[in-house]
C-alpha atoms as a PDB file:
ATOM      1  CA  MET A   1       0.000   0.000   0.000  1.00  0.00           C
ATOM      2  CA  ASN A   2       1.400   3.352  -1.018  1.00  0.00           C
ATOM      3  CA  ASN A   3       0.304   5.572   1.820  1.00  0.00           C
ATOM      4  CA  GLY A   4       1.515   8.118   4.332  1.00  0.00           C
ATOM      5  CA  PRO A   5       1.094   8.050   8.106  1.00  0.00           C
ATOM      6  CA  ASP A   6      -1.812  10.518   7.859  1.00  0.00           C
ATOM      7  CA  LYS A   7      -3.377   9.376   4.581  1.00  0.00           C
ATOM      8  CA  GLY A   8      -4.692   6.079   3.308  1.00  0.00           C
ATOM      9  CA  GLY A   9      -5.285   2.950   5.327  1.00  0.00           C
ATOM     10  CA  ASP A  10      -8.704   3.971   6.645  1.00  0.00           C
ATOM     11  CA  PRO A  11     -10.606   1.173   8.418  1.00  0.00           C
ATOM     12  CA  ALA A  12     -13.326   0.816   5.748  1.00  0.00           C
ATOM     13  CA  GLY A  13     -10.755   0.583   2.959  1.00  0.00           C
ATOM     14  CA  TRP A  14      -8.667  -1.856   5.010  1.00  0.00           C
ATOM     15  CA  LYS A  15     -11.679  -4.146   5.421  1.00  0.00           C
ATOM     16  CA  ASN A  16     -12.273  -4.195   1.650  1.00  0.00           C
ATOM     17  CA  VAL A  17      -8.639  -4.893   0.803  1.00  0.00           C
ATOM     18  CA  MET A  18      -8.321  -7.669   3.382  1.00  0.00           C
ATOM     19  CA  ALA A  19     -11.453  -9.365   1.978  1.00  0.00           C
ATOM     20  CA  SER A  20      -9.811  -9.666  -1.455  1.00  0.00           C
ATOM     21  CA  PRO A  21      -9.646 -13.310  -2.538  1.00  0.00           C
ATOM     22  CA  GLY A  22      -6.131 -14.695  -2.798  1.00  0.00           C
ATOM     23  CA  LEU A  23      -4.446 -11.858  -0.888  1.00  0.00           C
ATOM     24  CA  GLU A  24      -1.422 -13.323   0.889  1.00  0.00           C
ATOM     25  CA  ASP A  25       0.140 -10.231   2.443  1.00  0.00           C
ATOM     26  CA  LEU A  26      -0.132  -6.474   2.388  1.00  0.00           C
ATOM     27  CA  TRP A  27       3.087  -4.436   2.445  1.00  0.00           C
ATOM     28  CA  GLN A  28       2.877  -0.776   3.497  1.00  0.00           C
ATOM     29  CA  LEU A  29       5.194   2.187   3.107  1.00  0.00           C
ATOM     30  CA  HIS A  30       3.893   3.736   6.356  1.00  0.00           C
ATOM     31  CA  PHE A  31       1.957   2.707   9.443  1.00  0.00           C
ATOM     32  CA  ALA A  32      -1.502   4.287   8.938  1.00  0.00           C
ATOM     33  CA  LEU A  33      -2.308   6.214  12.124  1.00  0.00           C
ATOM     34  CA  VAL A  34      -6.055   6.498  11.502  1.00  0.00           C
ATOM     35  CA  GLY A  35      -6.868   2.835  12.162  1.00  0.00           C
ATOM     36  CA  GLY A  36      -4.366   1.709  14.765  1.00  0.00           C
ATOM     37  CA  LYS A  37      -2.815  -1.763  14.931  1.00  0.00           C
ATOM     38  CA  GLU A  38      -6.088  -3.450  13.930  1.00  0.00           C
ATOM     39  CA  THR A  39      -6.026  -1.946  10.438  1.00  0.00           C
ATOM     40  CA  ASN A  40      -2.342  -2.163   9.560  1.00  0.00           C
ATOM     41  CA  ALA A  41      -0.083  -4.955   8.394  1.00  0.00           C
ATOM     42  CA  PRO A  42       2.297  -6.531  10.916  1.00  0.00           C
ATOM     43  CA  ASP A  43       5.310  -4.284  11.596  1.00  0.00           C
ATOM     44  CA  THR A  44       7.571  -6.593   9.563  1.00  0.00           C
ATOM     45  CA  PHE A  45       5.580  -5.613   6.440  1.00  0.00           C
ATOM     46  CA  ILE A  46       5.748  -1.837   7.078  1.00  0.00           C
ATOM     47  CA  ALA A  47       8.773   0.155   5.920  1.00  0.00           C
ATOM     48  CA  ASN A  48       8.177   3.202   8.163  1.00  0.00           C
ATOM     49  CA  VAL A  49       6.492   2.122  11.395  1.00  0.00           C
ATOM     50  CA  ASP A  50       6.177   5.483  13.149  1.00  0.00           C
ATOM     51  CA  LYS A  51       4.896   8.943  12.249  1.00  0.00           C
ATOM     52  CA  ASN A  52       8.405  10.256  11.571  1.00  0.00           C
ATOM     53  CA  ASP A  53       9.080   9.092   8.023  1.00  0.00           C
ATOM     54  CA  GLN A  54      12.661   7.842   7.743  1.00  0.00           C
ATOM     55  CA  GLY A  55      12.405   7.451   3.967  1.00  0.00           C
ATOM     56  CA  LYS A  56      12.611   3.660   4.118  1.00  0.00           C
ATOM     57  CA  HIS A  57      11.433   1.897   0.989  1.00  0.00           C
ATOM     58  CA  ILE A  58      10.046  -1.403  -0.226  1.00  0.00           C
ATOM     59  CA  LYS A  59      11.850  -3.179  -3.067  1.00  0.00           C
ATOM     60  CA  VAL A  60      10.066  -5.607  -5.397  1.00  0.00           C
ATOM     61  CA  SER A  61      12.153  -7.824  -7.691  1.00  0.00           C
ATOM     62  CA  ALA A  62      10.358  -9.787 -10.410  1.00  0.00           C
ATOM     63  CA  LEU A  63      11.842 -12.900 -11.977  1.00  0.00           C
ATOM     64  CA  ALA A  64      11.311 -14.348 -15.461  1.00  0.00           C
ATOM     65  CA  ASP A  65       9.460 -17.381 -14.049  1.00  0.00           C
ATOM     66  CA  GLY A  66       6.705 -15.121 -12.650  1.00  0.00           C
ATOM     67  CA  SER A  67       7.850 -15.232  -9.045  1.00  0.00           C
ATOM     68  CA  PHE A  68       8.834 -12.104  -7.173  1.00  0.00           C
ATOM     69  CA  THR A  69      10.556 -11.058  -3.983  1.00  0.00           C
ATOM     70  CA  VAL A  70       9.538  -8.186  -1.705  1.00  0.00           C
ATOM     71  CA  THR A  71      12.158  -6.718   0.645  1.00  0.00           C
ATOM     72  CA  ILE A  72      12.451  -4.055   3.313  1.00  0.00           C
ATOM     73  CA  HIS A  73      16.249  -4.016   3.739  1.00  0.00           C
ATOM     74  CA  VAL A  74      16.475  -1.858   6.858  1.00  0.00           C
ATOM     75  CA  ILE A  75      14.530  -4.380   8.937  1.00  0.00           C
ATOM     76  CA  SER A  76      15.812  -7.451   7.058  1.00  0.00           C
ATOM     77  CA  CYS A  77      12.365  -8.618   5.987  1.00  0.00           C
ATOM     78  CA  THR A  78      12.213 -10.524   2.700  1.00  0.00           C
ATOM     79  CA  LYS A  79       9.539 -12.775   1.284  1.00  0.00           C
ATOM     80  CA  THR A  80       9.445 -14.590  -2.047  1.00  0.00           C
ATOM     81  CA  TYR A  81       6.155 -15.345  -3.756  1.00  0.00           C
ATOM     82  CA  THR A  82       5.889 -18.173  -6.290  1.00  0.00           C
ATOM     83  CA  ALA A  83       4.231 -17.766  -9.671  1.00  0.00           C
ATOM     84  CA  LYS A  84       0.616 -18.863  -9.828  1.00  0.00           C
END
């Protein structure tokens, strides 16, 4: 989710996104303050977990076989998703 700490991630939108069939994980650029912990991904999937944006980013690397890897380097969180 491309958001900021004070925009995006509202509880109604969160509910719709999380109900999406086949959704495995949701990665966020920022912790969304409006909804609290209940409407945010786990901290390991959030690049900037507090209101003070440190400019941390999310990197997505796609491979020719259709798989891809998502990484937040500063917190050493990486997950690879297989092609479907």
